[in-house]
Every structure is written in C-alpha cells, then in structure tokens.
Amino acid sequence: MKDIAIITKEIKLGSFLKLIGEAESGGDAKNLINSQKVIVDGEICLQRGKKLIPRQTVKICERKYRVVSE
C-alpha cells in the first residue's frame, strides 16, 4: 500500500485519481470510476466527487493507496 499525502483536510476522488497518476483528466477519472474498478474503503465507489479524508484507502485493480495528512 502506498501512502499519498494531501495538504488539505479532504480531496475529491476524481482529483485524487489525477494526483496519483491513475487518470490524466477529469474525463479519464470519470471513466475509471464508471468502470467500477475504484474501491474506497472496501466498497465500489461511483461518485467522482466523493470526498476522501486521511486514513481512507483506495484500491484500483491490485494497486492500493492510503490518504494521509502531510
């Protein structure tokens, strides 16, 4: 699992996917989310605007990330 630090108290899922390099644009993030391959805290997430906070986990295929505070 890779820790990803954010400088704000929360980050939207779409922005997080761009930050970690899983999506190049908002459209790419939307397509990835709609493919049902994005799992947040163990559940498939279909909300691009879902707000992530530190300690939450995101899994895409076999890649795992954890949101942490900077």
PDB file of N, CA and C in Angstrom:
ATOM      1  N   MET A   1       0.840  -1.173   0.000  1.00  0.00           N
ATOM      2  CA  MET A   1       0.000   0.000   0.000  1.00  0.00           C
ATOM      3  C   MET A   1       0.891   1.244   0.000  1.00  0.00           C
ATOM      4  N   LYS A   2       0.546   2.184  -0.840  1.00  0.00           N
ATOM      5  CA  LYS A   2       1.332   3.407  -0.958  1.00  0.00           C
ATOM      6  C   LYS A   2       0.590   4.562  -0.280  1.00  0.00           C
ATOM      7  N   ASP A   3       1.281   5.279   0.612  1.00  0.00           N
ATOM      8  CA  ASP A   3       0.693   6.447   1.264  1.00  0.00           C
ATOM      9  C   ASP A   3       0.773   7.654   0.341  1.00  0.00           C
ATOM     10  N   ILE A   4      -0.344   8.365   0.205  1.00  0.00           N
ATOM     11  CA  ILE A   4      -0.412   9.576  -0.607  1.00  0.00           C
ATOM     12  C   ILE A   4      -0.792  10.728   0.304  1.00  0.00           C
ATOM     13  N   ALA A   5       0.122  11.690   0.451  1.00  0.00           N
ATOM     14  CA  ALA A   5      -0.105  12.826   1.345  1.00  0.00           C
ATOM     15  C   ALA A   5      -0.893  13.927   0.639  1.00  0.00           C
ATOM     16  N   ILE A   6      -1.860  14.485   1.359  1.00  0.00           N
ATOM     17  CA  ILE A   6      -2.596  15.641   0.856  1.00  0.00           C
ATOM     18  C   ILE A   6      -2.374  16.798   1.819  1.00  0.00           C
ATOM     19  N   ILE A   7      -2.406  18.024   1.288  1.00  0.00           N
ATOM     20  CA  ILE A   7      -2.150  19.195   2.138  1.00  0.00           C
ATOM     21  C   ILE A   7      -3.442  19.821   2.647  1.00  0.00           C
ATOM     22  N   THR A   8      -4.578  19.364   2.127  1.00  0.00           N
ATOM     23  CA  THR A   8      -5.870  19.858   2.581  1.00  0.00           C
ATOM     24  C   THR A   8      -6.500  18.814   3.490  1.00  0.00           C
ATOM     25  N   LYS A   9      -7.618  19.164   4.120  1.00  0.00           N
ATOM     26  CA  LYS A   9      -8.244  18.194   5.024  1.00  0.00           C
ATOM     27  C   LYS A   9      -9.013  17.106   4.284  1.00  0.00           C
ATOM     28  N   GLU A  10      -9.319  17.358   2.986  1.00  0.00           N
ATOM     29  CA  GLU A  10     -10.015  16.360   2.176  1.00  0.00           C
ATOM     30  C   GLU A  10      -9.676  16.578   0.706  1.00  0.00           C
ATOM     31  N   ILE A  11      -9.961  15.571  -0.117  1.00  0.00           N
ATOM     32  CA  ILE A  11      -9.723  15.658  -1.558  1.00  0.00           C
ATOM     33  C   ILE A  11     -10.807  14.857  -2.255  1.00  0.00           C
ATOM     34  N   LYS A  12     -11.308  15.374  -3.372  1.00  0.00           N
ATOM     35  CA  LYS A  12     -12.323  14.663  -4.131  1.00  0.00           C
ATOM     36  C   LYS A  12     -11.678  13.472  -4.840  1.00  0.00           C
ATOM     37  N   LEU A  13     -12.444  12.407  -4.972  1.00  0.00           N
ATOM     38  CA  LEU A  13     -11.933  11.179  -5.566  1.00  0.00           C
ATOM     39  C   LEU A  13     -11.357  11.419  -6.956  1.00  0.00           C
ATOM     40  N   GLY A  14     -12.045  12.191  -7.785  1.00  0.00           N
ATOM     41  CA  GLY A  14     -11.548  12.473  -9.128  1.00  0.00           C
ATOM     42  C   GLY A  14     -10.192  13.150  -9.102  1.00  0.00           C
ATOM     43  N   SER A  15     -10.033  14.112  -8.212  1.00  0.00           N
ATOM     44  CA  SER A  15      -8.755  14.815  -8.063  1.00  0.00           C
ATOM     45  C   SER A  15      -7.680  13.883  -7.526  1.00  0.00           C
ATOM     46  N   PHE A  16      -8.062  12.993  -6.623  1.00  0.00           N
ATOM     47  CA  PHE A  16      -7.119  12.021  -6.069  1.00  0.00           C
ATOM     48  C   PHE A  16      -6.589  11.106  -7.166  1.00  0.00           C
ATOM     49  N   LEU A  17      -7.474  10.657  -8.050  1.00  0.00           N
ATOM     50  CA  LEU A  17      -7.050   9.774  -9.136  1.00  0.00           C
ATOM     51  C   LEU A  17      -6.065  10.474 -10.065  1.00  0.00           C
ATOM     52  N   LYS A  18      -6.256  11.767 -10.280  1.00  0.00           N
ATOM     53  CA  LYS A  18      -5.308  12.528 -11.090  1.00  0.00           C
ATOM     54  C   LYS A  18      -3.995  12.712 -10.330  1.00  0.00           C
ATOM     55  N   LEU A  19      -4.066  12.977  -9.038  1.00  0.00           N
ATOM     56  CA  LEU A  19      -2.874  13.172  -8.210  1.00  0.00           C
ATOM     57  C   LEU A  19      -1.967  11.941  -8.235  1.00  0.00           C
ATOM     58  N   ILE A  20      -2.545  10.761  -8.164  1.00  0.00           N
ATOM     59  CA  ILE A  20      -1.742   9.538  -8.116  1.00  0.00           C
ATOM     60  C   ILE A  20      -1.371   9.029  -9.501  1.00  0.00           C
ATOM     61  N   GLY A  21      -1.853   9.705 -10.542  1.00  0.00           N
ATOM     62  CA  GLY A  21      -1.477   9.327 -11.898  1.00  0.00           C
ATOM     63  C   GLY A  21      -2.320   8.228 -12.521  1.00  0.00           C
ATOM     64  N   GLU A  22      -3.414   7.866 -11.887  1.00  0.00           N
ATOM     65  CA  GLU A  22      -4.308   6.849 -12.452  1.00  0.00           C
ATOM     66  C   GLU A  22      -5.197   7.441 -13.545  1.00  0.00           C
ATOM     67  N   ALA A  23      -5.357   8.771 -13.552  1.00  0.00           N
ATOM     68  CA  ALA A  23      -6.162   9.452 -14.563  1.00  0.00           C
ATOM     69  C   ALA A  23      -5.431  10.723 -14.980  1.00  0.00           C
ATOM     70  N   GLU A  24      -5.479  11.043 -16.271  1.00  0.00           N
ATOM     71  CA  GLU A  24      -4.832  12.253 -16.769  1.00  0.00           C
ATOM     72  C   GLU A  24      -5.764  13.452 -16.753  1.00  0.00           C
ATOM     73  N   SER A  25      -7.067  13.194 -16.787  1.00  0.00           N
ATOM     74  CA  SER A  25      -8.045  14.284 -16.828  1.00  0.00           C
ATOM     75  C   SER A  25      -9.274  13.890 -16.021  1.00  0.00           C
ATOM     76  N   GLY A  26     -10.170  14.862 -15.854  1.00  0.00           N
ATOM     77  CA  GLY A  26     -11.418  14.571 -15.168  1.00  0.00           C
ATOM     78  C   GLY A  26     -12.241  13.528 -15.915  1.00  0.00           C
ATOM     79  N   GLY A  27     -12.191  13.573 -17.245  1.00  0.00           N
ATOM     80  CA  GLY A  27     -12.905  12.583 -18.053  1.00  0.00           C
ATOM     81  C   GLY A  27     -12.350  11.186 -17.858  1.00  0.00           C
ATOM     82  N   ASP A  28     -11.021  11.096 -17.786  1.00  0.00           N
ATOM     83  CA  ASP A  28     -10.394   9.791 -17.521  1.00  0.00           C
ATOM     84  C   ASP A  28     -10.807   9.271 -16.148  1.00  0.00           C
ATOM     85  N   ALA A  29     -10.840  10.164 -15.161  1.00  0.00           N
ATOM     86  CA  ALA A  29     -11.236   9.769 -13.805  1.00  0.00           C
ATOM     87  C   ALA A  29     -12.680   9.272 -13.807  1.00  0.00           C
ATOM     88  N   LYS A  30     -13.553   9.987 -14.508  1.00  0.00           N
ATOM     89  CA  LYS A  30     -14.962   9.594 -14.586  1.00  0.00           C
ATOM     90  C   LYS A  30     -15.101   8.215 -15.219  1.00  0.00           C
ATOM     91  N   ASN A  31     -14.371   7.969 -16.308  1.00  0.00           N
ATOM     92  CA  ASN A  31     -14.431   6.665 -16.978  1.00  0.00           C
ATOM     93  C   ASN A  31     -13.924   5.545 -16.075  1.00  0.00           C
ATOM     94  N   LEU A  32     -12.843   5.807 -15.363  1.00  0.00           N
ATOM     95  CA  LEU A  32     -12.292   4.800 -14.451  1.00  0.00           C
ATOM     96  C   LEU A  32     -13.289   4.481 -13.343  1.00  0.00           C
ATOM     97  N   ILE A  33     -13.891   5.519 -12.778  1.00  0.00           N
ATOM     98  CA  ILE A  33     -14.874   5.316 -11.711  1.00  0.00           C
ATOM     99  C   ILE A  33     -16.087   4.563 -12.237  1.00  0.00           C
ATOM    100  N   ASN A  34     -16.571   4.941 -13.423  1.00  0.00           N
ATOM    101  CA  ASN A  34     -17.739   4.274 -14.008  1.00  0.00           C
ATOM    102  C   ASN A  34     -17.463   2.817 -14.381  1.00  0.00           C
ATOM    103  N   SER A  35     -16.199   2.463 -14.536  1.00  0.00           N
ATOM    104  CA  SER A  35     -15.847   1.073 -14.853  1.00  0.00           C
ATOM    105  C   SER A  35     -15.968   0.164 -13.625  1.00  0.00           C
ATOM    106  N   GLN A  36     -16.272   0.756 -12.483  1.00  0.00           N
ATOM    107  CA  GLN A  36     -16.442   0.044 -11.213  1.00  0.00           C
ATOM    108  C   GLN A  36     -15.159  -0.634 -10.744  1.00  0.00           C
ATOM    109  N   LYS A  37     -14.017  -0.055 -11.108  1.00  0.00           N
ATOM    110  CA  LYS A  37     -12.727  -0.600 -10.683  1.00  0.00           C
ATOM    111  C   LYS A  37     -12.135   0.164  -9.505  1.00  0.00           C
ATOM    112  N   VAL A  38     -12.833   1.209  -9.047  1.00  0.00           N
ATOM    113  CA  VAL A  38     -12.324   2.025  -7.939  1.00  0.00           C
ATOM    114  C   VAL A  38     -13.069   1.621  -6.664  1.00  0.00           C
ATOM    115  N   ILE A  39     -12.297   1.181  -5.683  1.00  0.00           N
ATOM    116  CA  ILE A  39     -12.869   0.724  -4.416  1.00  0.00           C
ATOM    117  C   ILE A  39     -12.349   1.623  -3.298  1.00  0.00           C
ATOM    118  N   VAL A  40     -13.270   2.231  -2.567  1.00  0.00           N
ATOM    119  CA  VAL A  40     -12.913   3.103  -1.449  1.00  0.00           C
ATOM    120  C   VAL A  40     -13.350   2.415  -0.161  1.00  0.00           C
ATOM    121  N   ASP A  41     -12.415   2.201   0.718  1.00  0.00           N
ATOM    122  CA  ASP A  41     -12.687   1.531   1.997  1.00  0.00           C
ATOM    123  C   ASP A  41     -13.477   0.232   1.820  1.00  0.00           C
ATOM    124  N   GLY A  42     -13.096  -0.550   0.804  1.00  0.00           N
ATOM    125  CA  GLY A  42     -13.691  -1.861   0.606  1.00  0.00           C
ATOM    126  C   GLY A  42     -14.977  -1.902  -0.196  1.00  0.00           C
ATOM    127  N   GLU A  43     -15.470  -0.743  -0.657  1.00  0.00           N
ATOM    128  CA  GLU A  43     -16.713  -0.713  -1.424  1.00  0.00           C
ATOM    129  C   GLU A  43     -16.512  -0.001  -2.754  1.00  0.00           C
ATOM    130  N   ILE A  44     -17.135  -0.527  -3.809  1.00  0.00           N
ATOM    131  CA  ILE A  44     -17.064   0.126  -5.118  1.00  0.00           C
ATOM    132  C   ILE A  44     -17.654   1.522  -4.984  1.00  0.00           C
ATOM    133  N   CYS A  45     -16.945   2.509  -5.525  1.00  0.00           N
ATOM    134  CA  CYS A  45     -17.390   3.896  -5.436  1.00  0.00           C
ATOM    135  C   CYS A  45     -17.681   4.411  -6.841  1.00  0.00           C
ATOM    136  N   LEU A  46     -18.859   4.969  -7.041  1.00  0.00           N
ATOM    137  CA  LEU A  46     -19.264   5.513  -8.327  1.00  0.00           C
ATOM    138  C   LEU A  46     -19.409   7.035  -8.293  1.00  0.00           C
ATOM    139  N   GLN A  47     -18.921   7.667  -7.229  1.00  0.00           N
ATOM    140  CA  GLN A  47     -19.056   9.116  -7.060  1.00  0.00           C
ATOM    141  C   GLN A  47     -17.715   9.798  -7.270  1.00  0.00           C
ATOM    142  N   ARG A  48     -17.573  10.501  -8.398  1.00  0.00           N
ATOM    143  CA  ARG A  48     -16.321  11.202  -8.677  1.00  0.00           C
ATOM    144  C   ARG A  48     -16.064  12.299  -7.643  1.00  0.00           C
ATOM    145  N   GLY A  49     -17.132  12.885  -7.104  1.00  0.00           N
ATOM    146  CA  GLY A  49     -16.995  13.969  -6.133  1.00  0.00           C
ATOM    147  C   GLY A  49     -16.893  13.505  -4.689  1.00  0.00           C
ATOM    148  N   LYS A  50     -16.823  12.199  -4.464  1.00  0.00           N
ATOM    149  CA  LYS A  50     -16.712  11.691  -3.085  1.00  0.00           C
ATOM    150  C   LYS A  50     -15.485  12.301  -2.431  1.00  0.00           C
ATOM    151  N   LYS A  51     -15.652  12.807  -1.224  1.00  0.00           N
ATOM    152  CA  LYS A  51     -14.546  13.439  -0.511  1.00  0.00           C
ATOM    153  C   LYS A  51     -13.803  12.400   0.311  1.00  0.00           C
ATOM    154  N   LEU A  52     -12.502  12.340   0.084  1.00  0.00           N
ATOM    155  CA  LEU A  52     -11.640  11.427   0.812  1.00  0.00           C
ATOM    156  C   LEU A  52     -10.922  12.198   1.908  1.00  0.00           C
ATOM    157  N   ILE A  53     -10.773  11.570   3.050  1.00  0.00           N
ATOM    158  CA  ILE A  53     -10.054  12.169   4.168  1.00  0.00           C
ATOM    159  C   ILE A  53      -8.924  11.224   4.581  1.00  0.00           C
ATOM    160  N   PRO A  54      -7.956  11.745   5.334  1.00  0.00           N
ATOM    161  CA  PRO A  54      -6.860  10.874   5.774  1.00  0.00           C
ATOM    162  C   PRO A  54      -7.359   9.595   6.443  1.00  0.00           C
ATOM    163  N   ARG A  55      -6.624   8.522   6.206  1.00  0.00           N
ATOM    164  CA  ARG A  55      -6.865   7.164   6.691  1.00  0.00           C
ATOM    165  C   ARG A  55      -7.798   6.365   5.805  1.00  0.00           C
ATOM    166  N   GLN A  56      -8.392   6.982   4.779  1.00  0.00           N
ATOM    167  CA  GLN A  56      -9.218   6.204   3.864  1.00  0.00           C
ATOM    168  C   GLN A  56      -8.313   5.514   2.853  1.00  0.00           C
ATOM    169  N   THR A  57      -8.781   4.393   2.328  1.00  0.00           N
ATOM    170  CA  THR A  57      -7.999   3.647   1.351  1.00  0.00           C
ATOM    171  C   THR A  57      -8.718   3.604   0.009  1.00  0.00           C
ATOM    172  N   VAL A  58      -7.919   3.572  -1.044  1.00  0.00           N
ATOM    173  CA  VAL A  58      -8.445   3.483  -2.406  1.00  0.00           C
ATOM    174  C   VAL A  58      -7.709   2.341  -3.094  1.00  0.00           C
ATOM    175  N   LYS A  59      -8.475   1.461  -3.731  1.00  0.00           N
ATOM    176  CA  LYS A  59      -7.887   0.343  -4.457  1.00  0.00           C
ATOM    177  C   LYS A  59      -8.352   0.414  -5.901  1.00  0.00           C
ATOM    178  N   ILE A  60      -7.395   0.296  -6.820  1.00  0.00           N
ATOM    179  CA  ILE A  60      -7.685   0.266  -8.250  1.00  0.00           C
ATOM    180  C   ILE A  60      -6.970  -0.965  -8.794  1.00  0.00           C
ATOM    181  N   CYS A  61      -7.752  -1.938  -9.229  1.00  0.00           N
ATOM    182  CA  CYS A  61      -7.201  -3.239  -9.619  1.00  0.00           C
ATOM    183  C   CYS A  61      -6.411  -3.785  -8.433  1.00  0.00           C
ATOM    184  N   GLU A  62      -5.137  -4.024  -8.572  1.00  0.00           N
ATOM    185  CA  GLU A  62      -4.344  -4.546  -7.454  1.00  0.00           C
ATOM    186  C   GLU A  62      -3.508  -3.470  -6.768  1.00  0.00           C
ATOM    187  N   ARG A  63      -3.646  -2.206  -7.199  1.00  0.00           N
ATOM    188  CA  ARG A  63      -2.885  -1.105  -6.603  1.00  0.00           C
ATOM    189  C   ARG A  63      -3.682  -0.502  -5.451  1.00  0.00           C
ATOM    190  N   LYS A  64      -3.010  -0.346  -4.309  1.00  0.00           N
ATOM    191  CA  LYS A  64      -3.676   0.181  -3.114  1.00  0.00           C
ATOM    192  C   LYS A  64      -2.992   1.458  -2.647  1.00  0.00           C
ATOM    193  N   TYR A  65      -3.815   2.427  -2.260  1.00  0.00           N
ATOM    194  CA  TYR A  65      -3.327   3.725  -1.788  1.00  0.00           C
ATOM    195  C   TYR A  65      -4.043   4.081  -0.483  1.00  0.00           C
ATOM    196  N   ARG A  66      -3.331   4.811   0.368  1.00  0.00           N
ATOM    197  CA  ARG A  66      -3.928   5.317   1.599  1.00  0.00           C
ATOM    198  C   ARG A  66      -3.732   6.818   1.635  1.00  0.00           C
ATOM    199  N   VAL A  67      -4.816   7.549   1.919  1.00  0.00           N
ATOM    200  CA  VAL A  67      -4.746   9.008   2.039  1.00  0.00           C
ATOM    201  C   VAL A  67      -4.163   9.327   3.410  1.00  0.00           C
ATOM    202  N   VAL A  68      -3.152  10.182   3.437  1.00  0.00           N
ATOM    203  CA  VAL A  68      -2.550  10.603   4.708  1.00  0.00           C
ATOM    204  C   VAL A  68      -2.410  12.127   4.711  1.00  0.00           C
ATOM    205  N   SER A  69      -2.316  12.687   5.913  1.00  0.00           N
ATOM    206  CA  SER A  69      -2.080  14.131   6.070  1.00  0.00           C
ATOM    207  C   SER A  69      -0.616  14.424   5.827  1.00  0.00           C
ATOM    208  N   GLU A  70      -0.369  15.579   5.260  1.00  0.00           N
ATOM    209  CA  GLU A  70       1.032  15.982   5.062  1.00  0.00           C
ATOM    210  C   GLU A  70       1.612  16.544   6.326  1.00  0.00           C
TER     211      GLU A  70
END
